[in-house]
Amino acid sequence: SERLGAVVEGVDARHVDAAGVAKLLDAVRAHGVVVLEGQNLSRAEQVAFTEALGDVVVLPPSFEGKDPEPRGAASGDGVAAAAPPWAR
C-alpha cells in the first residue's frame, strides 16, 4: 500500500547544496511530506533553508509573534515539538 510521507536521515538542513535541495524537492513530490530528522535550526537558519527550497511566503502582520515556539527547547531537554498556542 502507498504511504504518505518519508523520513530523511543524515541531512543537515544548514548545509544542503543544490543537488541536495533537488533530491529533497523530488522526495516532496513523490511522498507529499518529508521529515528531516535531527534538526535544531534557529529562525534565521530555517528561513535560509526555506529560501533554498523556493519562494518564501511572508505571513501578514496579523500573524506576527503568533508562531509556535518549540516546547522543551528552553529547558535544554533536546525536545523541540511545536504546539499551537491553544495547546500551551
PDB file of N, CA and C in Angstrom:
ATOM      1  N   SER A   1       0.835  -1.189   0.000  1.00  0.00           N
ATOM      2  CA  SER A   1       0.000   0.000   0.000  1.00  0.00           C
ATOM      3  C   SER A   1       0.876   1.246   0.000  1.00  0.00           C
ATOM      4  N   GLU A   2       0.367   2.331  -0.555  1.00  0.00           N
ATOM      5  CA  GLU A   2       1.110   3.587  -0.586  1.00  0.00           C
ATOM      6  C   GLU A   2       1.012   4.280   0.758  1.00  0.00           C
ATOM      7  N   ARG A   3       2.075   4.950   1.122  1.00  0.00           N
ATOM      8  CA  ARG A   3       2.111   5.676   2.383  1.00  0.00           C
ATOM      9  C   ARG A   3       2.396   7.139   2.106  1.00  0.00           C
ATOM     10  N   LEU A   4       1.888   7.963   2.992  1.00  0.00           N
ATOM     11  CA  LEU A   4       2.141   9.388   2.900  1.00  0.00           C
ATOM     12  C   LEU A   4       3.384   9.705   3.698  1.00  0.00           C
ATOM     13  N   GLY A   5       4.339  10.371   3.089  1.00  0.00           N
ATOM     14  CA  GLY A   5       5.495  10.873   3.811  1.00  0.00           C
ATOM     15  C   GLY A   5       6.722   9.999   3.720  1.00  0.00           C
ATOM     16  N   ALA A   6       7.855  10.656   3.996  1.00  0.00           N
ATOM     17  CA  ALA A   6       9.139   9.973   4.026  1.00  0.00           C
ATOM     18  C   ALA A   6       9.993  10.628   5.104  1.00  0.00           C
ATOM     19  N   VAL A   7      10.841   9.842   5.737  1.00  0.00           N
ATOM     20  CA  VAL A   7      11.771  10.344   6.741  1.00  0.00           C
ATOM     21  C   VAL A   7      13.158  10.339   6.116  1.00  0.00           C
ATOM     22  N   VAL A   8      13.844  11.465   6.226  1.00  0.00           N
ATOM     23  CA  VAL A   8      15.197  11.599   5.683  1.00  0.00           C
ATOM     24  C   VAL A   8      16.157  11.734   6.855  1.00  0.00           C
ATOM     25  N   GLU A   9      17.138  10.861   6.889  1.00  0.00           N
ATOM     26  CA  GLU A   9      18.136  10.886   7.966  1.00  0.00           C
ATOM     27  C   GLU A   9      19.476  11.348   7.408  1.00  0.00           C
ATOM     28  N   GLY A  10      20.300  11.899   8.286  1.00  0.00           N
ATOM     29  CA  GLY A  10      21.661  12.245   7.895  1.00  0.00           C
ATOM     30  C   GLY A  10      21.802  13.502   7.076  1.00  0.00           C
ATOM     31  N   VAL A  11      20.799  14.356   7.056  1.00  0.00           N
ATOM     32  CA  VAL A  11      20.866  15.615   6.313  1.00  0.00           C
ATOM     33  C   VAL A  11      20.904  16.760   7.311  1.00  0.00           C
ATOM     34  N   ASP A  12      21.863  17.667   7.133  1.00  0.00           N
ATOM     35  CA  ASP A  12      21.929  18.873   7.953  1.00  0.00           C
ATOM     36  C   ASP A  12      21.349  20.002   7.111  1.00  0.00           C
ATOM     37  N   ALA A  13      20.175  20.470   7.477  1.00  0.00           N
ATOM     38  CA  ALA A  13      19.467  21.485   6.694  1.00  0.00           C
ATOM     39  C   ALA A  13      20.249  22.785   6.580  1.00  0.00           C
ATOM     40  N   ARG A  14      21.230  22.987   7.454  1.00  0.00           N
ATOM     41  CA  ARG A  14      22.036  24.210   7.391  1.00  0.00           C
ATOM     42  C   ARG A  14      23.063  24.156   6.264  1.00  0.00           C
ATOM     43  N   HIS A  15      23.341  22.960   5.744  1.00  0.00           N
ATOM     44  CA  HIS A  15      24.407  22.805   4.749  1.00  0.00           C
ATOM     45  C   HIS A  15      23.958  21.947   3.565  1.00  0.00           C
ATOM     46  N   VAL A  16      22.788  22.226   3.017  1.00  0.00           N
ATOM     47  CA  VAL A  16      22.280  21.458   1.877  1.00  0.00           C
ATOM     48  C   VAL A  16      22.676  22.187   0.595  1.00  0.00           C
ATOM     49  N   ASP A  17      23.355  21.469  -0.314  1.00  0.00           N
ATOM     50  CA  ASP A  17      23.740  22.069  -1.587  1.00  0.00           C
ATOM     51  C   ASP A  17      22.611  21.932  -2.603  1.00  0.00           C
ATOM     52  N   ALA A  18      22.823  22.440  -3.807  1.00  0.00           N
ATOM     53  CA  ALA A  18      21.788  22.444  -4.848  1.00  0.00           C
ATOM     54  C   ALA A  18      21.324  21.026  -5.183  1.00  0.00           C
ATOM     55  N   ALA A  19      22.256  20.073  -5.220  1.00  0.00           N
ATOM     56  CA  ALA A  19      21.879  18.681  -5.517  1.00  0.00           C
ATOM     57  C   ALA A  19      21.012  18.114  -4.391  1.00  0.00           C
ATOM     58  N   GLY A  20      21.344  18.454  -3.146  1.00  0.00           N
ATOM     59  CA  GLY A  20      20.540  18.005  -2.005  1.00  0.00           C
ATOM     60  C   GLY A  20      19.148  18.604  -2.022  1.00  0.00           C
ATOM     61  N   VAL A  21      19.060  19.893  -2.360  1.00  0.00           N
ATOM     62  CA  VAL A  21      17.750  20.550  -2.467  1.00  0.00           C
ATOM     63  C   VAL A  21      16.911  19.865  -3.539  1.00  0.00           C
ATOM     64  N   ALA A  22      17.526  19.560  -4.672  1.00  0.00           N
ATOM     65  CA  ALA A  22      16.792  18.888  -5.756  1.00  0.00           C
ATOM     66  C   ALA A  22      16.259  17.532  -5.296  1.00  0.00           C
ATOM     67  N   LYS A  23      17.073  16.784  -4.548  1.00  0.00           N
ATOM     68  CA  LYS A  23      16.633  15.476  -4.039  1.00  0.00           C
ATOM     69  C   LYS A  23      15.483  15.628  -3.043  1.00  0.00           C
ATOM     70  N   LEU A  24      15.585  16.646  -2.164  1.00  0.00           N
ATOM     71  CA  LEU A  24      14.505  16.874  -1.190  1.00  0.00           C
ATOM     72  C   LEU A  24      13.205  17.252  -1.893  1.00  0.00           C
ATOM     73  N   LEU A  25      13.292  18.126  -2.897  1.00  0.00           N
ATOM     74  CA  LEU A  25      12.086  18.518  -3.623  1.00  0.00           C
ATOM     75  C   LEU A  25      11.487  17.329  -4.378  1.00  0.00           C
ATOM     76  N   ASP A  26      12.347  16.480  -4.937  1.00  0.00           N
ATOM     77  CA  ASP A  26      11.852  15.249  -5.584  1.00  0.00           C
ATOM     78  C   ASP A  26      11.128  14.368  -4.575  1.00  0.00           C
ATOM     79  N   ALA A  27      11.676  14.275  -3.358  1.00  0.00           N
ATOM     80  CA  ALA A  27      11.053  13.459  -2.313  1.00  0.00           C
ATOM     81  C   ALA A  27       9.698  14.044  -1.903  1.00  0.00           C
ATOM     82  N   VAL A  28       9.616  15.367  -1.831  1.00  0.00           N
ATOM     83  CA  VAL A  28       8.326  16.004  -1.504  1.00  0.00           C
ATOM     84  C   VAL A  28       7.305  15.697  -2.590  1.00  0.00           C
ATOM     85  N   ARG A  29       7.708  15.795  -3.838  1.00  0.00           N
ATOM     86  CA  ARG A  29       6.782  15.486  -4.941  1.00  0.00           C
ATOM     87  C   ARG A  29       6.342  14.028  -4.903  1.00  0.00           C
ATOM     88  N   ALA A  30       7.250  13.142  -4.560  1.00  0.00           N
ATOM     89  CA  ALA A  30       6.951  11.709  -4.549  1.00  0.00           C
ATOM     90  C   ALA A  30       6.124  11.289  -3.337  1.00  0.00           C
ATOM     91  N   HIS A  31       6.367  11.917  -2.170  1.00  0.00           N
ATOM     92  CA  HIS A  31       5.765  11.447  -0.918  1.00  0.00           C
ATOM     93  C   HIS A  31       4.801  12.431  -0.258  1.00  0.00           C
ATOM     94  N   GLY A  32       4.777  13.677  -0.737  1.00  0.00           N
ATOM     95  CA  GLY A  32       3.858  14.660  -0.169  1.00  0.00           C
ATOM     96  C   GLY A  32       4.372  15.344   1.074  1.00  0.00           C
ATOM     97  N   VAL A  33       5.016  14.611   1.953  1.00  0.00           N
ATOM     98  CA  VAL A  33       5.571  15.135   3.203  1.00  0.00           C
ATOM     99  C   VAL A  33       6.950  14.532   3.392  1.00  0.00           C
ATOM    100  N   VAL A  34       7.905  15.376   3.785  1.00  0.00           N
ATOM    101  CA  VAL A  34       9.251  14.893   4.073  1.00  0.00           C
ATOM    102  C   VAL A  34       9.658  15.427   5.439  1.00  0.00           C
ATOM    103  N   VAL A  35      10.114  14.528   6.294  1.00  0.00           N
ATOM    104  CA  VAL A  35      10.580  14.893   7.630  1.00  0.00           C
ATOM    105  C   VAL A  35      12.092  14.757   7.653  1.00  0.00           C
ATOM    106  N   LEU A  36      12.776  15.831   8.017  1.00  0.00           N
ATOM    107  CA  LEU A  36      14.228  15.786   8.182  1.00  0.00           C
ATOM    108  C   LEU A  36      14.505  15.583   9.662  1.00  0.00           C
ATOM    109  N   GLU A  37      14.999  14.425  10.017  1.00  0.00           N
ATOM    110  CA  GLU A  37      15.234  14.121  11.426  1.00  0.00           C
ATOM    111  C   GLU A  37      16.436  14.874  11.969  1.00  0.00           C
ATOM    112  N   GLY A  38      16.377  15.168  13.269  1.00  0.00           N
ATOM    113  CA  GLY A  38      17.521  15.694  13.988  1.00  0.00           C
ATOM    114  C   GLY A  38      17.878  17.134  13.710  1.00  0.00           C
ATOM    115  N   GLN A  39      16.928  17.955  13.306  1.00  0.00           N
ATOM    116  CA  GLN A  39      17.222  19.360  13.018  1.00  0.00           C
ATOM    117  C   GLN A  39      16.972  20.214  14.250  1.00  0.00           C
ATOM    118  N   ASN A  40      17.846  21.177  14.478  1.00  0.00           N
ATOM    119  CA  ASN A  40      17.681  22.139  15.558  1.00  0.00           C
ATOM    120  C   ASN A  40      18.106  23.485  14.993  1.00  0.00           C
ATOM    121  N   LEU A  41      17.216  24.097  14.206  1.00  0.00           N
ATOM    122  CA  LEU A  41      17.539  25.310  13.471  1.00  0.00           C
ATOM    123  C   LEU A  41      17.081  26.554  14.203  1.00  0.00           C
ATOM    124  N   SER A  42      17.890  27.598  14.108  1.00  0.00           N
ATOM    125  CA  SER A  42      17.442  28.909  14.569  1.00  0.00           C
ATOM    126  C   SER A  42      16.434  29.423  13.541  1.00  0.00           C
ATOM    127  N   ARG A  43      15.740  30.484  13.876  1.00  0.00           N
ATOM    128  CA  ARG A  43      14.793  31.043  12.901  1.00  0.00           C
ATOM    129  C   ARG A  43      15.514  31.454  11.622  1.00  0.00           C
ATOM    130  N   ALA A  44      16.687  32.082  11.757  1.00  0.00           N
ATOM    131  CA  ALA A  44      17.446  32.519  10.579  1.00  0.00           C
ATOM    132  C   ALA A  44      17.860  31.324   9.723  1.00  0.00           C
ATOM    133  N   GLU A  45      18.295  30.245  10.357  1.00  0.00           N
ATOM    134  CA  GLU A  45      18.680  29.043   9.610  1.00  0.00           C
ATOM    135  C   GLU A  45      17.472  28.415   8.925  1.00  0.00           C
ATOM    136  N   GLN A  46      16.321  28.446   9.590  1.00  0.00           N
ATOM    137  CA  GLN A  46      15.114  27.892   8.985  1.00  0.00           C
ATOM    138  C   GLN A  46      14.704  28.701   7.762  1.00  0.00           C
ATOM    139  N   VAL A  47      14.793  30.021   7.861  1.00  0.00           N
ATOM    140  CA  VAL A  47      14.453  30.874   6.718  1.00  0.00           C
ATOM    141  C   VAL A  47      15.435  30.619   5.573  1.00  0.00           C
ATOM    142  N   ALA A  48      16.729  30.512   5.871  1.00  0.00           N
ATOM    143  CA  ALA A  48      17.721  30.251   4.827  1.00  0.00           C
ATOM    144  C   ALA A  48      17.448  28.919   4.136  1.00  0.00           C
ATOM    145  N   PHE A  49      17.095  27.897   4.913  1.00  0.00           N
ATOM    146  CA  PHE A  49      16.776  26.590   4.334  1.00  0.00           C
ATOM    147  C   PHE A  49      15.527  26.692   3.457  1.00  0.00           C
ATOM    148  N   THR A  50      14.519  27.399   3.942  1.00  0.00           N
ATOM    149  CA  THR A  50      13.282  27.574   3.189  1.00  0.00           C
ATOM    150  C   THR A  50      13.548  28.314   1.881  1.00  0.00           C
ATOM    151  N   GLU A  51      14.389  29.345   1.936  1.00  0.00           N
ATOM    152  CA  GLU A  51      14.741  30.086   0.721  1.00  0.00           C
ATOM    153  C   GLU A  51      15.438  29.184  -0.295  1.00  0.00           C
ATOM    154  N   ALA A  52      16.243  28.237   0.178  1.00  0.00           N
ATOM    155  CA  ALA A  52      16.922  27.315  -0.730  1.00  0.00           C
ATOM    156  C   ALA A  52      15.927  26.412  -1.460  1.00  0.00           C
ATOM    157  N   LEU A  53      14.773  26.151  -0.810  1.00  0.00           N
ATOM    158  CA  LEU A  53      13.758  25.279  -1.411  1.00  0.00           C
ATOM    159  C   LEU A  53      12.876  25.997  -2.429  1.00  0.00           C
ATOM    160  N   GLY A  54      12.798  27.317  -2.339  1.00  0.00           N
ATOM    161  CA  GLY A  54      11.956  28.061  -3.266  1.00  0.00           C
ATOM    162  C   GLY A  54      11.499  29.371  -2.657  1.00  0.00           C
ATOM    163  N   ASP A  55      10.457  29.931  -3.225  1.00  0.00           N
ATOM    164  CA  ASP A  55       9.938  31.211  -2.762  1.00  0.00           C
ATOM    165  C   ASP A  55       9.444  31.108  -1.327  1.00  0.00           C
ATOM    166  N   VAL A  56       9.792  32.102  -0.537  1.00  0.00           N
ATOM    167  CA  VAL A  56       9.353  32.170   0.854  1.00  0.00           C
ATOM    168  C   VAL A  56       8.052  32.950   0.903  1.00  0.00           C
ATOM    169  N   VAL A  57       7.078  32.428   1.613  1.00  0.00           N
ATOM    170  CA  VAL A  57       5.805  33.114   1.791  1.00  0.00           C
ATOM    171  C   VAL A  57       5.873  33.900   3.083  1.00  0.00           C
ATOM    172  N   VAL A  58       5.677  35.196   2.972  1.00  0.00           N
ATOM    173  CA  VAL A  58       5.709  36.060   4.145  1.00  0.00           C
ATOM    174  C   VAL A  58       4.289  36.194   4.667  1.00  0.00           C
ATOM    175  N   LEU A  59       4.102  35.841   5.934  1.00  0.00           N
ATOM    176  CA  LEU A  59       2.778  35.919   6.540  1.00  0.00           C
ATOM    177  C   LEU A  59       2.393  37.373   6.786  1.00  0.00           C
ATOM    178  N   PRO A  60       1.109  37.670   6.754  1.00  0.00           N
ATOM    179  CA  PRO A  60       0.667  39.044   7.025  1.00  0.00           C
ATOM    180  C   PRO A  60       0.962  39.428   8.468  1.00  0.00           C
ATOM    181  N   PRO A  61       1.023  40.737   8.738  1.00  0.00           N
ATOM    182  CA  PRO A  61       1.347  41.211  10.086  1.00  0.00           C
ATOM    183  C   PRO A  61       0.452  40.632  11.178  1.00  0.00           C
ATOM    184  N   SER A  62      -0.771  40.237  10.849  1.00  0.00           N
ATOM    185  CA  SER A  62      -1.667  39.691  11.870  1.00  0.00           C
ATOM    186  C   SER A  62      -1.125  38.401  12.480  1.00  0.00           C
ATOM    187  N   PHE A  63      -0.169  37.736  11.817  1.00  0.00           N
ATOM    188  CA  PHE A  63       0.433  36.503  12.326  1.00  0.00           C
ATOM    189  C   PHE A  63       1.692  36.769  13.146  1.00  0.00           C
ATOM    190  N   GLU A  64       2.207  38.003  13.107  1.00  0.00           N
ATOM    191  CA  GLU A  64       3.465  38.320  13.769  1.00  0.00           C
ATOM    192  C   GLU A  64       3.450  37.948  15.242  1.00  0.00           C
ATOM    193  N   GLY A  65       4.457  37.215  15.654  1.00  0.00           N
ATOM    194  CA  GLY A  65       4.586  36.842  17.052  1.00  0.00           C
ATOM    195  C   GLY A  65       3.653  35.737  17.498  1.00  0.00           C
ATOM    196  N   LYS A  66       2.904  35.138  16.577  1.00  0.00           N
ATOM    197  CA  LYS A  66       1.940  34.105  16.961  1.00  0.00           C
ATOM    198  C   LYS A  66       2.358  32.726  16.471  1.00  0.00           C
ATOM    199  N   ASP A  67       3.593  32.614  15.958  1.00  0.00           N
ATOM    200  CA  ASP A  67       4.046  31.308  15.509  1.00  0.00           C
ATOM    201  C   ASP A  67       4.441  30.475  16.727  1.00  0.00           C
ATOM    202  N   PRO A  68       4.271  29.174  16.655  1.00  0.00           N
ATOM    203  CA  PRO A  68       4.553  28.329  17.827  1.00  0.00           C
ATOM    204  C   PRO A  68       6.041  28.264  18.110  1.00  0.00           C
ATOM    205  N   GLU A  69       6.396  28.320  19.369  1.00  0.00           N
ATOM    206  CA  GLU A  69       7.779  28.146  19.806  1.00  0.00           C
ATOM    207  C   GLU A  69       7.968  26.676  20.164  1.00  0.00           C
ATOM    208  N   PRO A  70       9.165  26.157  19.953  1.00  0.00           N
ATOM    209  CA  PRO A  70       9.411  24.769  20.357  1.00  0.00           C
ATOM    210  C   PRO A  70       9.251  24.609  21.862  1.00  0.00           C
ATOM    211  N   ARG A  71       8.512  23.579  22.254  1.00  0.00           N
ATOM    212  CA  ARG A  71       8.389  23.266  23.683  1.00  0.00           C
ATOM    213  C   ARG A  71       9.593  22.457  24.095  1.00  0.00           C
ATOM    214  N   GLY A  72      10.128  22.728  25.266  1.00  0.00           N
ATOM    215  CA  GLY A  72      11.238  21.953  25.775  1.00  0.00           C
ATOM    216  C   GLY A  72      12.598  22.506  25.396  1.00  0.00           C
ATOM    217  N   ALA A  73      12.656  23.355  24.382  1.00  0.00           N
ATOM    218  CA  ALA A  73      13.954  23.867  23.934  1.00  0.00           C
ATOM    219  C   ALA A  73      14.619  24.691  25.022  1.00  0.00           C
ATOM    220  N   ALA A  74      13.849  25.488  25.749  1.00  0.00           N
ATOM    221  CA  ALA A  74      14.424  26.336  26.796  1.00  0.00           C
ATOM    222  C   ALA A  74      14.943  25.500  27.962  1.00  0.00           C
ATOM    223  N   SER A  75      14.357  24.350  28.199  1.00  0.00           N
ATOM    224  CA  SER A  75      14.779  23.516  29.323  1.00  0.00           C
ATOM    225  C   SER A  75      16.024  22.709  28.995  1.00  0.00           C
ATOM    226  N   GLY A  76      16.419  22.721  27.714  1.00  0.00           N
ATOM    227  CA  GLY A  76      17.621  22.004  27.320  1.00  0.00           C
ATOM    228  C   GLY A  76      17.451  20.505  27.225  1.00  0.00           C
ATOM    229  N   ASP A  77      16.197  20.032  27.190  1.00  0.00           N
ATOM    230  CA  ASP A  77      15.986  18.585  27.125  1.00  0.00           C
ATOM    231  C   ASP A  77      16.075  18.040  25.700  1.00  0.00           C
ATOM    232  N   GLY A  78      16.347  18.939  24.732  1.00  0.00           N
ATOM    233  CA  GLY A  78      16.506  18.499  23.354  1.00  0.00           C
ATOM    234  C   GLY A  78      15.205  18.224  22.635  1.00  0.00           C
ATOM    235  N   VAL A  79      14.079  18.374  23.296  1.00  0.00           N
ATOM    236  CA  VAL A  79      12.788  18.134  22.669  1.00  0.00           C
ATOM    237  C   VAL A  79      12.307  19.434  22.056  1.00  0.00           C
ATOM    238  N   ALA A  80      11.999  19.415  20.778  1.00  0.00           N
ATOM    239  CA  ALA A  80      11.528  20.618  20.109  1.00  0.00           C
ATOM    240  C   ALA A  80      10.253  20.280  19.345  1.00  0.00           C
ATOM    241  N   ALA A  81       9.155  20.193  20.048  1.00  0.00           N
ATOM    242  CA  ALA A  81       7.873  19.886  19.421  1.00  0.00           C
ATOM    243  C   ALA A  81       7.042  21.157  19.379  1.00  0.00           C
ATOM    244  N   ALA A  82       6.692  21.591  18.196  1.00  0.00           N
ATOM    245  CA  ALA A  82       5.890  22.801  18.059  1.00  0.00           C
ATOM    246  C   ALA A  82       4.459  22.501  18.482  1.00  0.00           C
ATOM    247  N   ALA A  83       3.871  23.423  19.193  1.00  0.00           N
ATOM    248  CA  ALA A  83       2.494  23.262  19.641  1.00  0.00           C
ATOM    249  C   ALA A  83       1.706  24.525  19.302  1.00  0.00           C
ATOM    250  N   PRO A  84       0.481  24.358  18.884  1.00  0.00           N
ATOM    251  CA  PRO A  84      -0.330  25.548  18.620  1.00  0.00           C
ATOM    252  C   PRO A  84      -0.573  26.309  19.911  1.00  0.00           C
ATOM    253  N   PRO A  85      -0.816  27.626  19.802  1.00  0.00           N
ATOM    254  CA  PRO A  85      -0.966  28.448  21.011  1.00  0.00           C
ATOM    255  C   PRO A  85      -2.018  27.935  21.999  1.00  0.00           C
ATOM    256  N   TRP A  86      -3.113  27.351  21.500  1.00  0.00           N
ATOM    257  CA  TRP A  86      -4.167  26.903  22.397  1.00  0.00           C
ATOM    258  C   TRP A  86      -3.790  25.628  23.166  1.00  0.00           C
ATOM    259  N   ALA A  87      -2.704  24.976  22.791  1.00  0.00           N
ATOM    260  CA  ALA A  87      -2.294  23.735  23.459  1.00  0.00           C
ATOM    261  C   ALA A  87      -1.254  23.991  24.547  1.00  0.00           C
ATOM    262  N   ARG A  88      -0.866  25.230  24.734  1.00  0.00           N
ATOM    263  CA  ARG A  88       0.175  25.532  25.736  1.00  0.00           C
ATOM    264  C   ARG A  88      -0.404  25.680  27.089  1.00  0.00           C
TER     265      ARG A  88
END
